[in-house]
Protein backbone atom coordinates (compact mmCIF):
# COMPACT_ATOMS: atom_id res chain seq x y z
CA MET A 1 -31.41 -5.10 31.23
CA ARG A 2 -30.17 -1.67 32.35
CA ILE A 3 -28.62 0.52 29.71
CA GLY A 4 -26.86 3.77 30.63
CA VAL A 5 -26.29 6.81 28.55
CA VAL A 6 -23.41 9.00 29.79
CA GLY A 7 -25.08 12.34 30.28
CA VAL A 8 -22.62 15.04 30.94
CA GLN A 9 -22.85 16.75 27.51
CA GLY A 10 -24.17 16.05 24.01
CA ALA A 11 -27.11 14.16 22.46
CA VAL A 12 -28.13 12.39 25.70
CA PHE A 13 -31.89 12.68 25.55
CA GLU A 14 -31.96 11.52 21.88
CA HIS A 15 -29.97 8.38 22.75
CA ILE A 16 -32.23 7.65 25.72
CA SER A 17 -35.28 7.95 23.45
CA SER A 18 -33.85 5.84 20.62
CA THR A 19 -32.68 3.14 23.02
CA ARG A 20 -36.14 2.98 24.63
CA LYS A 21 -37.75 2.70 21.21
CA ALA A 22 -35.34 -0.04 20.20
CA LEU A 23 -36.09 -2.03 23.39
CA GLU A 24 -39.80 -1.70 22.54
CA ASN A 25 -39.27 -2.73 18.94
CA LEU A 26 -37.38 -5.85 20.06
CA GLY A 27 -39.89 -6.65 22.77
CA VAL A 28 -37.12 -6.57 25.39
CA ARG A 29 -37.76 -5.43 28.96
CA GLY A 30 -35.25 -3.01 30.22
CA GLU A 31 -34.59 0.46 31.50
CA VAL A 32 -32.51 3.27 30.11
CA VAL A 33 -30.85 5.58 32.60
CA TRP A 34 -28.98 8.87 32.51
CA VAL A 35 -25.40 8.37 33.85
CA ARG A 36 -23.67 11.29 35.48
CA ARG A 37 -21.98 9.82 38.60
CA ARG A 38 -20.28 6.65 39.55
CA ARG A 39 -23.36 5.33 41.44
CA ASP A 40 -25.35 5.56 38.20
CA LEU A 41 -23.19 2.81 36.69
CA LYS A 42 -24.31 0.20 39.27
CA GLY A 43 -25.90 -2.80 37.51
CA ILE A 44 -25.27 -1.44 34.01
CA SER A 45 -25.47 -4.03 31.26
CA GLY A 46 -24.59 -1.68 28.36
CA LEU A 47 -23.43 1.94 27.98
CA VAL A 48 -23.72 4.60 25.35
CA LEU A 49 -21.19 7.42 24.92
CA PRO A 50 -23.08 10.10 22.98
CA GLY A 51 -22.00 12.68 20.51
CA GLY A 52 -21.15 16.15 21.68
CA GLU A 53 -17.75 17.70 22.25
CA SER A 54 -15.14 15.03 23.01
CA THR A 55 -12.78 17.24 25.05
CA THR A 56 -15.68 18.45 27.22
CA ILE A 57 -17.13 14.94 27.74
CA SER A 58 -13.62 13.56 28.54
CA LYS A 59 -12.94 16.22 31.19
CA LEU A 60 -16.43 16.03 32.72
CA ILE A 61 -16.44 12.22 33.07
CA GLU A 62 -13.02 12.47 34.70
CA LYS A 63 -14.24 15.22 37.02
CA ASN A 64 -17.34 13.21 37.92
CA GLY A 65 -15.18 10.17 38.76
CA ILE A 66 -16.48 7.80 36.08
CA PHE A 67 -13.69 7.84 33.48
CA ASP A 68 -11.77 4.93 35.04
CA GLU A 69 -14.94 3.08 35.81
CA VAL A 70 -16.20 3.32 32.25
CA LYS A 71 -12.82 2.05 31.05
CA ARG A 72 -12.94 -0.84 33.50
CA LEU A 73 -16.44 -1.81 32.30
CA GLY A 74 -15.28 -1.82 28.66
CA LEU A 75 -12.26 -3.96 29.55
CA GLU A 76 -14.55 -6.36 31.44
CA GLY A 77 -16.72 -6.83 28.34
CA VAL A 78 -19.67 -4.63 29.07
CA PRO A 79 -21.01 -3.46 25.67
CA ILE A 80 -20.26 0.19 24.99
CA MET A 81 -21.40 2.17 21.93
CA GLY A 82 -19.75 5.41 21.16
CA THR A 83 -21.23 7.84 18.54
CA CYS A 84 -19.26 10.78 17.09
CA ALA A 85 -17.50 12.18 20.16
CA GLY A 86 -18.14 8.79 21.81
CA LEU A 87 -16.03 7.17 18.99
CA ILE A 88 -13.25 9.56 19.76
CA LEU A 89 -13.47 8.61 23.46
CA LEU A 90 -13.24 4.94 22.61
CA ALA A 91 -10.34 5.07 20.12
CA LYS A 92 -6.83 4.14 21.02
CA THR A 93 -5.33 6.85 18.86
CA VAL A 94 -6.82 10.34 18.32
CA LEU A 95 -5.33 12.81 15.83
CA GLY A 96 -5.99 16.44 16.61
CA ALA A 97 -6.59 15.84 20.32
CA ILE A 98 -6.37 18.90 22.47
CA PRO A 99 -3.57 18.81 25.13
CA GLY A 100 -4.92 17.18 28.22
CA GLN A 101 -7.71 15.40 26.35
CA ARG A 102 -7.90 11.71 27.32
CA SER A 103 -9.52 8.80 25.50
CA LEU A 104 -10.46 5.51 27.04
CA GLU A 105 -8.11 3.70 24.57
CA LEU A 106 -10.38 0.70 24.16
CA LEU A 107 -11.07 0.40 20.45
CA ASP A 108 -8.28 -0.67 17.98
CA ALA A 109 -8.77 2.46 15.82
CA GLU A 110 -7.07 5.64 14.78
CA VAL A 111 -9.51 8.54 14.36
CA ALA A 112 -9.18 12.22 13.45
CA ARG A 113 -11.28 14.81 15.28
CA ASN A 114 -13.54 17.14 13.20
CA ALA A 115 -12.16 15.56 10.05
CA TYR A 116 -15.13 16.53 7.87
CA GLY A 117 -14.96 20.17 8.81
CA ARG A 118 -16.73 22.54 11.07
CA GLN A 119 -20.38 22.65 12.13
CA VAL A 120 -21.43 24.35 8.87
CA ASP A 121 -19.95 21.36 7.02
CA SER A 122 -22.34 18.85 8.65
CA PHE A 123 -24.22 16.57 6.26
CA GLU A 124 -26.40 13.55 5.82
CA ALA A 125 -25.49 10.53 3.68
CA PRO A 126 -26.73 6.97 3.15
CA ILE A 127 -24.83 4.38 5.17
CA ARG A 128 -24.42 0.72 4.39
CA LEU A 129 -24.63 -1.42 7.54
CA THR A 130 -23.00 -4.86 7.55
CA PHE A 131 -25.90 -6.18 9.67
CA SER A 132 -28.79 -4.87 7.59
CA ASP A 133 -29.85 -4.91 3.89
CA GLN A 134 -31.51 -1.46 3.94
CA PRO A 135 -29.51 1.82 3.82
CA PHE A 136 -29.38 3.84 7.00
CA GLN A 137 -29.45 7.67 6.95
CA GLY A 138 -26.23 8.78 8.54
CA ILE A 139 -26.11 12.20 10.11
CA PHE A 140 -22.52 13.69 10.40
CA ILE A 141 -22.03 16.69 12.66
CA ARG A 142 -18.38 17.85 13.08
CA ALA A 143 -17.76 14.19 12.74
CA PRO A 144 -14.50 12.31 13.34
CA ARG A 145 -13.06 10.19 10.55
CA ILE A 146 -11.88 6.58 11.04
CA LEU A 147 -8.39 6.57 9.49
CA LYS A 148 -7.38 3.04 10.39
CA LEU A 149 -8.65 -0.12 12.07
CA TYR A 150 -6.29 -2.72 13.40
CA GLY A 151 -6.11 -5.58 15.84
CA LYS A 152 -9.55 -7.12 16.29
CA ALA A 153 -11.61 -4.08 15.10
CA ARG A 154 -13.63 -4.60 12.05
CA PRO A 155 -15.88 -2.34 9.86
CA ILE A 156 -19.64 -2.40 10.39
CA ALA A 157 -20.71 0.78 8.59
CA TYR A 158 -19.67 2.34 5.32
CA ARG A 159 -20.34 5.60 3.48
CA GLY A 160 -19.48 4.54 -0.03
CA GLU A 161 -16.16 2.76 0.43
CA GLU A 162 -15.23 4.69 3.50
CA VAL A 163 -15.51 3.04 6.93
CA VAL A 164 -17.71 5.15 9.26
CA GLY A 165 -18.42 2.53 11.92
CA ALA A 166 -16.40 -0.15 13.68
CA GLU A 167 -16.93 -3.01 16.11
CA GLU A 168 -14.54 -4.90 18.35
CA GLY A 169 -15.95 -7.51 20.63
CA ASN A 170 -18.15 -5.56 23.05
CA LEU A 171 -17.39 -2.18 21.52
CA ILE A 172 -19.15 -0.20 18.76
CA GLY A 173 -17.74 3.13 17.45
CA LEU A 174 -19.64 5.23 14.90
CA ALA A 175 -18.62 8.49 13.19
CA PHE A 176 -22.26 9.43 12.67
CA HIS A 177 -25.32 10.04 14.94
CA PRO A 178 -27.81 7.16 14.78
CA GLU A 179 -29.82 8.68 17.58
CA LEU A 180 -30.89 11.57 15.27
CA ALA A 181 -32.34 9.35 12.60
CA ASP A 182 -35.88 8.05 12.81
CA ASP A 183 -34.53 4.52 12.65
CA THR A 184 -33.56 2.33 15.57
CA ARG A 185 -31.66 -0.48 13.81
CA VAL A 186 -28.24 0.62 15.14
CA HIS A 187 -29.58 0.72 18.73
CA GLU A 188 -31.33 -2.60 18.23
CA TYR A 189 -27.98 -4.11 17.09
CA PHE A 190 -26.37 -2.72 20.20
CA ILE A 191 -29.11 -4.17 22.42
CA GLU A 192 -28.60 -7.60 20.74
CA LYS A 193 -24.94 -7.37 21.69
CA ILE A 194 -26.02 -6.81 25.32
CA ARG A 195 -28.32 -9.78 25.23
C-alpha cells in the first residue's frame, strides 16, 4: 500500500505522521509519501489532500502539473481524503471561491469557504462519527461548512446535528482536521477504504 499526501502547502507532516500511526495500529504494511510532482503519484493506492489555504493549494497543484492527474485518480476510484482545504478542493460547488480558484469537482457537495470565521474563530468540538461509537475531538481552523450534500454523498461526521464530514464512494471530505488530534480513527477508516 502506498499512500500519498499532497505536500505543496498545509498540514502535510501531520497527515503523514497520522497515516503512518494508523497503518501501524491496523497492522498494515505500507508507506506514506510526500506528493509534490506528477512522478510522486506513481503507484499511489490512496491520497490525502490536507488542510491549508485552498486557493494556494489549488494553484500550486496546477502549477506542479498534478491537478488533472489527481482528478483522474479520483474519477478512477482511487480513495482520496480531503480535510478542511482538501474538502474545498474535492467539492463540486464552492461558495466564496476566489476568482481563478479551481476545485476538483469530485464530491457531490456544496461548501462555503471560511464559513466559521477567521483564524481567531478556530475552535475544537466533539464530533460524532458514523463508523465509531466514541466521540472524536474535531479541530476547526478557518473551516469550510458543508451546506448541502446531494447525489451519492452521505454524512459520516456530525457536530451536533450539523454535517461536518461526507463520504461518496472512494471520497471522504471533512471540515475539520483529524491529523491534529491524537486519534487515528479517521485515518484508519480511510486506510480500510483503500484495502
